[in-house]
Protein backbone atom coordinates (compact mmCIF):
# COMPACT_ATOMS: atom_id res chain seq x y z
CA MET A 1 0.09 54.71 74.42
CA ARG A 2 3.91 55.42 73.73
CA SER A 3 4.40 51.66 74.86
CA ARG A 4 1.88 50.23 72.36
CA VAL A 5 3.53 52.38 69.59
CA SER A 6 7.03 50.97 70.45
CA LEU A 7 5.43 47.35 70.46
CA SER A 8 3.89 48.33 66.90
CA ARG A 9 7.56 48.95 65.92
CA VAL A 10 8.67 46.43 67.10
CA SER A 11 6.84 43.74 65.90
CA GLY A 12 6.87 45.59 62.48
CA SER A 13 10.87 45.67 62.18
CA MET A 14 10.57 42.03 63.16
CA ALA A 15 8.28 40.88 60.17
CA ILE A 16 10.12 43.10 57.95
CA PHE A 17 13.66 41.34 59.42
CA ALA A 18 11.58 37.93 58.90
CA PHE A 19 10.76 38.46 55.32
CA ALA A 20 14.12 39.49 54.23
CA PHE A 21 15.62 36.67 56.03
CA LEU A 22 13.07 34.52 53.87
CA MET A 23 13.96 35.69 50.77
CA SER A 24 17.39 35.64 51.57
CA CYS A 25 16.68 32.00 51.81
CA CYS A 26 15.23 31.33 49.17
CA ALA A 27 17.82 33.21 46.92
CA ALA A 28 20.49 31.08 48.36
CA SER A 29 18.22 27.92 47.44
CA GLY A 30 17.79 29.34 43.88
CA GLN A 31 21.00 29.32 43.67
CA ASP A 32 22.60 25.87 45.23
CA ALA A 33 21.79 23.98 41.74
CA PRO A 34 23.91 26.52 39.91
CA ASN A 35 26.58 26.58 42.11
CA ARG A 36 26.62 22.88 42.25
CA SER A 37 26.82 22.20 38.52
CA GLU A 38 29.76 25.00 38.32
CA ASP A 39 31.63 22.87 41.36
CA SER A 40 30.37 19.51 39.28
CA ALA A 41 32.05 21.04 36.51
CA GLY A 42 35.14 22.33 37.30
CA LYS A 43 35.80 18.71 39.30
CA ILE A 44 35.60 17.15 35.88
CA ASP A 45 38.15 19.34 34.66
CA LYS A 46 40.49 18.61 37.15
CA GLN A 47 40.12 14.95 36.71
CA ILE A 48 40.54 14.66 33.26
CA ARG A 49 43.75 17.23 33.16
CA LYS A 50 44.99 14.66 35.93
CA VAL A 51 44.45 11.61 33.41
CA HIS A 52 46.19 13.67 31.02
CA GLU A 53 49.21 14.26 33.43
CA ASP A 54 49.31 10.24 33.93
CA TYR A 55 49.19 9.63 30.20
CA LYS A 56 52.06 11.80 29.41
CA ASP A 57 53.75 10.22 32.10
CA TYR A 58 53.15 6.59 30.58
CA LEU A 59 54.25 7.61 26.82
CA GLN A 60 57.46 9.23 28.53
CA GLN A 61 57.92 4.90 30.26
CA LYS A 62 58.23 4.32 26.54
CA LYS A 63 60.29 6.58 25.01
CA LYS A 64 63.23 5.55 27.99
CA LEU A 65 62.29 1.60 27.40
CA ILE A 66 63.38 2.30 23.59
CA GLU A 67 66.63 4.76 24.67
CA THR A 68 67.66 1.60 26.53
CA TYR A 69 67.10 -0.81 24.16
CA GLU A 70 68.75 1.65 21.43
CA SER A 71 71.99 2.22 23.85
CA LEU A 72 72.29 -1.85 24.36
CA GLN A 73 72.23 -2.31 20.69
CA THR A 74 74.61 0.30 20.29
CA SER A 75 76.45 -1.78 22.71
CA ILE A 76 76.30 -4.65 20.81
CA LYS A 77 77.36 -3.14 17.45
CA GLN A 78 80.64 -1.74 19.21
CA THR A 79 82.28 -4.94 20.29
CA GLU A 80 81.59 -6.34 16.38
CA ALA A 81 85.39 -6.49 16.07
CA GLU A 82 86.37 -8.57 19.23
CA TRP A 83 83.52 -10.79 18.19
CA ASN A 84 84.62 -11.48 14.98
CA ARG A 85 88.16 -12.68 16.27
CA ILE A 86 86.17 -15.33 18.24
CA GLN A 87 86.81 -18.63 16.17
CA ASN A 88 84.33 -21.38 17.93
CA GLU A 89 81.53 -21.14 14.76
CA GLY A 90 79.13 -22.72 17.04
CA VAL A 91 78.84 -20.29 19.67
CA ILE A 92 78.68 -17.23 16.71
CA LYS A 93 75.47 -19.09 15.28
CA GLN A 94 73.66 -19.79 18.09
CA PHE A 95 74.00 -15.68 18.99
CA ALA A 96 73.15 -14.66 15.64
CA ALA A 97 70.04 -16.56 16.15
CA ILE A 98 69.33 -15.10 19.44
CA GLN A 99 69.92 -11.65 17.87
CA SER A 100 67.67 -12.61 14.58
CA ALA A 101 64.63 -13.44 16.61
CA MET A 102 64.92 -10.52 19.13
CA ASN A 103 65.15 -8.17 16.00
CA SER A 104 61.63 -9.46 15.30
CA MET A 105 60.11 -8.88 18.78
CA GLN A 106 57.62 -5.86 19.67
CA ILE A 107 59.84 -3.32 21.29
CA SER A 108 62.26 -3.61 18.07
CA ASN A 109 59.54 -2.89 15.53
CA THR A 110 58.27 0.42 17.65
CA ILE A 111 61.87 2.23 17.11
CA GLY A 112 60.57 5.61 15.42
CA SER A 113 57.35 5.92 16.81
CA VAL A 114 57.80 6.93 20.51
CA GLY A 115 54.53 8.62 20.50
CA SER A 116 52.42 6.02 18.84
CA THR A 117 49.12 4.75 20.59
CA PRO A 118 49.51 1.77 23.07
CA GLY A 119 49.28 -1.40 21.20
CA SER A 120 49.33 0.49 17.86
CA ASN A 121 51.94 -2.09 16.27
CA ASN A 122 50.24 -5.51 17.25
CA SER A 123 47.51 -6.17 15.38
CA PRO A 124 44.56 -7.52 17.62
CA ASN A 125 43.76 -10.47 15.67
CA ASP A 126 44.28 -14.58 17.10
CA PHE A 127 46.89 -15.28 14.50
CA ALA A 128 49.41 -12.26 15.06
CA MET A 129 49.16 -12.83 19.07
CA ARG A 130 49.99 -16.66 18.06
CA GLN A 131 52.98 -15.62 16.21
CA GLN A 132 54.04 -13.35 18.67
CA LEU A 133 54.00 -16.24 21.34
CA GLN A 134 56.08 -18.77 19.07
CA GLN A 135 58.66 -16.16 18.84
CA GLN A 136 58.81 -15.24 22.31
CA LEU A 137 59.11 -19.53 22.90
CA MET A 138 61.99 -19.78 20.32
CA VAL A 139 63.89 -16.86 22.03
CA ASN A 140 63.42 -18.24 25.27
CA ARG A 141 64.76 -21.86 24.25
CA MET A 142 67.64 -20.01 22.75
CA MET A 143 68.49 -18.28 25.72
CA GLU A 144 68.68 -21.24 28.01
CA ASN A 145 70.53 -23.69 25.31
CA MET A 146 72.91 -20.14 25.80
CA ASN A 147 72.54 -20.38 29.83
CA THR A 148 73.59 -24.32 29.38
CA PHE A 149 76.48 -23.23 26.97
CA MET A 150 77.62 -20.16 29.36
CA ARG A 151 78.16 -23.29 32.32
CA SER A 152 79.82 -25.65 29.58
CA GLN A 153 83.42 -26.88 29.67
CA GLU A 154 83.98 -26.09 26.10
CA LEU A 155 83.37 -22.05 26.94
CA GLN A 156 86.43 -22.70 29.44
CA GLN A 157 88.25 -24.39 26.78
CA LEU A 158 88.12 -21.00 24.93
CA GLY A 159 91.00 -18.05 25.64
CA VAL A 160 90.34 -15.50 28.20
CA GLU A 161 89.66 -12.64 25.93
CA ALA A 162 87.21 -14.83 24.01
CA GLN A 163 85.15 -15.73 27.15
CA ARG A 164 84.78 -12.03 28.28
CA THR A 165 83.29 -10.82 25.13
CA ILE A 166 81.30 -13.78 24.95
CA ARG A 167 79.98 -12.68 28.48
CA ALA A 168 79.43 -9.26 27.89
CA ARG A 169 77.71 -10.05 24.88
CA PHE A 170 75.42 -12.58 26.37
CA ASP A 171 74.80 -10.40 29.70
CA THR A 172 73.80 -7.59 26.85
CA ILE A 173 71.14 -10.17 25.29
CA GLN A 174 69.63 -10.77 28.69
CA LYS A 175 69.35 -6.89 29.42
CA LEU A 176 67.39 -6.48 26.20
CA MET A 177 65.43 -9.30 26.85
CA LYS A 178 64.54 -7.23 30.34
CA VAL A 179 64.04 -4.86 28.37
CA GLU A 180 61.48 -6.67 26.02
CA GLU A 181 59.40 -7.81 28.78
CA ASP A 182 58.93 -4.01 30.42
CA TYR A 183 57.80 -3.14 27.00
CA LYS A 184 54.93 -6.10 26.99
CA GLN A 185 54.30 -4.82 30.55
CA TRP A 186 53.98 -1.27 29.25
CA GLN A 187 51.63 -1.93 26.62
CA THR A 188 49.16 -3.50 28.86
CA GLY A 189 49.25 -0.82 31.04
CA GLY A 190 48.41 1.39 28.31
CA ASN A 191 44.90 -0.30 27.92
CA ARG A 192 43.76 1.36 31.32
CA PHE A 193 43.76 4.79 30.27
CA PHE A 194 40.29 4.48 28.39
CA ASP A 195 38.67 2.63 31.48
CA LYS A 196 40.13 5.86 33.47
CA TYR A 197 38.69 8.57 30.34
CA TRP A 198 35.27 6.58 30.18
CA SER A 199 33.08 8.15 33.00
CA PHE A 200 34.00 11.28 30.96
CA THR A 201 31.97 10.56 28.12
CA ASP A 202 28.47 10.55 29.99
CA PRO A 203 27.56 7.10 29.08
CA ALA A 204 24.03 7.23 31.12
CA ARG A 205 23.50 10.90 29.64
CA SER A 206 23.42 12.28 33.01
CA PHE A 207 25.96 15.36 32.41
CA SER A 208 24.38 18.86 32.86
CA GLU A 209 25.17 21.28 30.11
CA GLY A 210 28.34 22.94 32.08
CA GLU A 211 29.53 19.74 33.10
CA THR A 212 29.73 18.17 29.12
CA GLN A 213 30.98 21.37 28.23
CA ALA A 214 33.93 21.59 31.12
CA ALA A 215 34.62 18.22 29.61
CA LEU A 216 34.73 18.42 25.99
CA GLN A 217 37.21 21.40 26.69
CA ALA A 218 39.26 19.18 28.72
CA LEU A 219 39.40 16.14 26.86
CA GLN A 220 40.20 18.27 23.36
CA ASP A 221 43.29 20.48 25.49
CA THR A 222 45.65 17.68 25.47
CA ASP A 223 48.58 16.42 23.03
CA GLN A 224 47.52 14.86 19.53
CA ASP A 225 49.05 11.70 20.34
CA ASN A 226 46.46 10.75 23.16
CA ALA A 227 44.27 8.70 21.48
CA PRO A 228 42.23 7.19 24.72
CA ALA A 229 41.12 11.15 25.26
CA GLN A 230 40.46 11.71 21.59
CA LEU A 231 38.56 8.80 21.45
CA ALA A 232 36.77 9.80 25.02
CA GLN A 233 35.80 12.86 23.24
CA ALA A 234 34.33 11.53 19.86
CA ILE A 235 32.15 9.42 22.24
CA LEU A 236 30.90 12.81 24.40
CA LEU A 237 30.47 14.68 21.02
CA ALA A 238 28.10 11.53 19.64
CA ASN A 239 25.77 11.53 22.82
CA GLN A 240 25.74 15.12 22.48
CA GLY A 241 24.42 14.42 18.62
CA ASP A 242 27.42 16.53 17.20
CA HIS A 243 28.05 13.63 14.12
CA SER A 244 30.28 15.43 12.05
CA GLN A 245 32.85 16.49 14.19
CA SER A 246 32.71 12.62 16.31
CA LYS A 247 33.47 11.43 12.83
CA GLN A 248 36.51 13.40 12.18
CA LEU A 249 38.05 12.11 15.11
CA LEU A 250 37.03 8.77 14.91
CA ASP A 251 38.15 8.21 11.29
CA PRO A 252 41.80 7.61 12.13
CA LEU A 253 40.97 5.58 14.96
CA THR A 254 39.08 3.07 13.16
CA GLU A 255 42.58 2.52 10.69
CA ILE A 256 44.95 1.98 13.32
CA SER A 257 45.18 -1.51 14.52
CA SER A 258 44.92 -1.46 18.39
CA PRO A 259 43.08 -1.73 21.82
CA LEU A 260 40.77 1.27 20.69
CA GLN A 261 40.02 0.40 17.11
CA PRO A 262 36.70 -2.07 18.06
CA ILE A 263 35.63 0.73 20.33
CA ALA A 264 36.09 3.74 18.06
CA SER A 265 34.10 1.56 15.09
CA MET A 266 31.28 0.61 16.94
CA CYS A 267 31.09 4.33 17.95
CA LYS A 268 31.52 5.28 14.58
CA ALA A 269 28.55 2.96 13.76
CA TYR A 270 26.75 5.06 15.79
CA VAL A 271 27.56 8.40 14.36
CA LEU A 272 26.71 7.10 10.89
CA HIS A 273 23.18 6.15 11.87
CA GLY A 274 22.58 9.17 12.98
CA MET A 275 23.89 10.84 9.37
CA ASP A 276 21.52 8.59 8.34
CA LYS A 277 24.08 6.29 6.26
CA GLU A 278 22.90 2.92 7.47
CA ARG A 279 24.99 0.75 4.88
CA GLU A 280 27.93 2.57 6.18
CA SER A 281 26.55 2.46 9.68
CA LYS A 282 26.14 -1.21 9.36
CA LEU A 283 30.07 -2.43 7.97
CA ALA A 284 31.28 -0.11 10.85
CA MET A 285 29.51 -2.22 13.78
CA GLN A 286 30.83 -5.49 11.46
CA ASN A 287 34.03 -4.16 11.95
CA SER A 288 34.14 -3.57 15.49
CA LEU A 289 32.17 -6.92 16.16
CA LYS A 290 34.91 -8.80 14.13
CA ILE A 291 37.88 -7.71 16.10
CA ASP A 292 36.28 -7.76 19.73
CA ARG A 293 32.80 -8.81 20.53
CA THR A 294 32.83 -9.09 23.96
CA ASN A 295 34.47 -5.43 24.48
CA PRO A 296 32.30 -4.33 27.65
CA TYR A 297 32.59 -0.71 25.96
CA CYS A 298 31.29 -1.95 22.36
CA ARG A 299 28.17 -3.38 23.86
CA TRP A 300 27.73 -0.27 25.74
CA ILE A 301 27.46 1.98 22.73
CA ARG A 302 25.62 -1.06 20.41
CA ALA A 303 23.18 -0.61 23.12
CA ARG A 304 22.82 2.58 22.34
CA LEU A 305 22.60 2.36 18.59
CA ALA A 306 19.83 -0.35 18.74
CA CYS A 307 17.90 1.91 21.04
CA LYS A 308 18.26 4.47 18.37
CA GLN A 309 16.99 1.92 15.62
CA ASP A 310 14.20 0.70 17.72
CA GLN A 311 15.92 -2.36 18.56
CA ILE A 312 15.16 -2.84 22.16
CA ASN A 313 15.68 -6.45 22.34
CA ILE A 314 19.33 -6.15 21.37
CA ALA A 315 19.86 -3.19 24.03
CA GLU A 316 18.39 -5.33 26.73
CA THR A 317 20.56 -8.14 25.84
CA GLU A 318 23.62 -5.87 26.08
CA TRP A 319 23.28 -4.32 29.26
CA LYS A 320 22.51 -7.38 31.00
CA ALA A 321 25.86 -8.64 30.07
CA LEU A 322 27.28 -5.55 31.31
CA THR A 323 25.41 -5.86 35.02
CA THR A 324 28.47 -8.23 35.81
CA ILE A 325 31.00 -5.67 34.91
CA PRO A 326 31.78 -3.66 37.92
CA ALA A 327 32.73 -0.08 36.29
CA MET A 328 29.70 -0.41 34.47
CA GLN A 329 26.63 -2.43 36.41
CA GLN A 330 25.10 0.51 38.08
CA ASP A 331 24.49 2.70 34.86
CA ALA A 332 23.77 -0.79 33.15
CA LYS A 333 20.93 -1.27 35.59
CA ARG A 334 19.67 1.98 35.28
CA ALA A 335 19.50 1.69 31.43
CA LEU A 336 17.75 -1.48 31.90
CA ALA A 337 15.46 -0.27 34.73
CA LEU A 338 14.45 2.52 31.89
CA VAL A 339 13.81 -0.30 29.48
CA TYR A 340 11.63 -2.27 31.73
CA SER A 341 9.62 1.13 32.59
CA GLN A 342 8.59 1.51 28.93
CA ARG A 343 7.58 -2.11 28.99
CA VAL A 344 4.75 -2.33 31.50
CA SER A 345 1.58 -2.12 29.30
CA LYS A 346 3.10 -5.31 27.31
CA THR A 347 4.20 -7.11 30.50
CA PRO A 348 3.01 -5.99 33.82
CA SER A 349 5.60 -7.89 35.83
CA ASN A 350 8.54 -5.67 34.13
CA ALA A 351 7.18 -3.06 36.64
CA SER A 352 8.70 -4.78 39.62
CA ARG A 353 11.95 -5.27 37.47
CA ALA A 354 12.45 -1.77 36.65
CA VAL A 355 12.03 -0.74 40.18
CA ALA A 356 14.59 -3.70 41.82
CA LEU A 357 16.82 -2.44 39.31
CA ALA A 358 16.73 0.96 39.86
CA ASN A 359 16.72 0.32 43.37
CA GLU A 360 20.14 -1.45 43.69
CA ALA A 361 21.74 1.07 41.77
CA HIS A 362 20.44 3.95 43.75
CA GLN A 363 21.70 1.78 46.72
CA ALA A 364 24.96 1.71 45.19
CA ASP A 365 25.25 5.41 45.03
CA THR A 366 26.36 7.21 48.05
CA PRO A 367 25.23 9.49 48.45
CA PRO A 368 23.00 9.45 45.08
CA ASN A 369 23.05 11.74 42.76
CA TRP A 370 20.44 13.82 40.88
CA TYR A 371 19.95 10.91 37.89
CA SER A 372 19.71 8.27 40.45
CA HIS A 373 16.63 9.67 42.16
CA PHE A 374 15.54 9.91 38.89
CA VAL A 375 15.71 7.00 37.29
CA LEU A 376 14.02 5.55 40.64
CA ALA A 377 11.20 7.60 39.97
CA VAL A 378 10.40 6.82 36.58
CA ALA A 379 10.55 2.90 37.64
CA LEU A 380 8.56 3.46 40.83
CA HIS A 381 5.90 5.85 38.77
CA ALA A 382 6.01 3.39 35.94
CA ALA A 383 4.74 0.45 38.95
CA ASN A 384 2.56 3.20 40.39
CA LYS A 385 3.72 3.82 43.56
CA LYS A 386 2.87 7.49 43.11
CA GLU A 387 3.90 8.79 46.56
CA GLU A 388 7.42 7.32 46.28
CA ALA A 389 7.77 8.54 42.82
CA LEU A 390 6.81 11.99 43.58
CA GLU A 391 9.39 11.80 46.34
CA ASN A 392 12.30 10.76 44.29
CA VAL A 393 11.53 13.07 41.63
CA LEU A 394 11.42 15.52 44.29
CA SER A 395 14.77 14.72 45.65
CA ALA A 396 16.17 14.44 41.80
CA LYS A 397 15.01 18.03 40.84
CA LYS A 398 16.59 19.59 44.00
CA LEU A 399 20.04 17.98 43.46
CA ALA A 400 19.87 19.07 39.42
CA ALA A 401 21.28 21.73 37.37
CA GLU A 402 19.18 23.97 36.21
CA ASP A 403 18.99 22.36 32.22
CA GLN A 404 18.33 19.10 34.15
CA GLN A 405 15.57 20.49 36.40
CA GLU A 406 12.82 20.59 33.22
CA VAL A 407 13.27 17.21 32.42
CA CYS A 408 12.50 16.56 36.29
CA ASP A 409 9.17 18.89 35.76
CA LYS A 410 7.55 16.64 33.35
CA LEU A 411 8.36 13.19 35.24
CA LYS A 412 6.87 15.25 37.92
CA GLU A 413 3.56 16.05 35.92
CA ALA A 414 3.46 12.96 34.39
CA ILE A 415 2.85 11.42 37.83
CA GLU A 416 0.84 13.73 39.39
CA ASN A 417 -1.49 13.13 36.26
CA ALA A 418 -0.83 9.66 36.22
CA THR A 419 0.12 9.35 32.42
CA PRO A 420 3.08 7.63 31.10
CA PHE A 421 6.72 8.65 30.73
CA LYS A 422 9.41 7.75 28.53
CA ALA A 423 12.53 8.79 29.35
CA GLU A 424 15.20 8.88 26.94
CA LEU A 425 17.25 5.87 25.75
């Protein structure tokens, strides 16, 4: 009898232990999504702040270039007395022409605007670019003439002091030319910073609430002269429907001639549409297209605006063009997959197109995130592939944060009931 009681107690204890272990596993499973969301939000915060630091270092490079330029100009001014003693009128005129031409070049126009937006002093239109090129060619020709003169017999006929002064000024002008070239390279480098911030605007609208708030906070927490971060913040706010605050950030960016201007104008068009200001929205879009019709970021925002205006054909055209841009092609394929999934009733062949695009983007993700599984599930549902669709929507929910799981549940219900599902475009 004692043996039976003992065995009974052991069995009961094991059952209690097993139940407790099962509950702890369930609790841990329930905490996975929030933990993933918190980890992801922290990662986004860290990545954005790293871009902030890189941008700050980048602006410091401009400051150093301008300081070098000013120092060289000062060096020229300090030798004016010696220069005035040179009696060769041809030499003086040649150097004066070079100096005058250089004074109208790019870096000389940036003095006093060390913290300004990269490229903000360059008009993006074709006329300004041609004018700058002509100026550069003229200076290059002058420098070639001076190179010839520096090797000529005419220079050798001047006195030793005059030769020394001319050579010193020529060396200084060569250094000024090098600084000008370095400045142009610096300007070109500025365009890459918005590229770095773009992914934090949540272009696919796949961020959780925690990720969105982390991105907004980090984008806001930077210097006021960080225009790329300011634009990224405005786009993310627009995606969240905060049109008023987004517009406040966009207004100054649309008034400055820079590589960011067409993007800011297109985003402003999106925001103004959301504020029911259709006339102003149309004007903002026209301004953007006039400056740069092929800008990939403008095309993405225009596609979103077209969806809001129920002009899906325009959105399809824009997203198709973006499937050739490496940094945007997977998001563009997913967006197109959602478009085709909604148009299966009119064109049944769109189902296979949606699945193909969603699957291509899914295969490119290593590993796929929740949104990759979600879009693939939407496409498979549109193609009446119930089992595969269910498998992917369950995978999406498993990877999703808590606030993202609701849309997964709605899709799962549509799949199980064989009813249409319309994802947000």
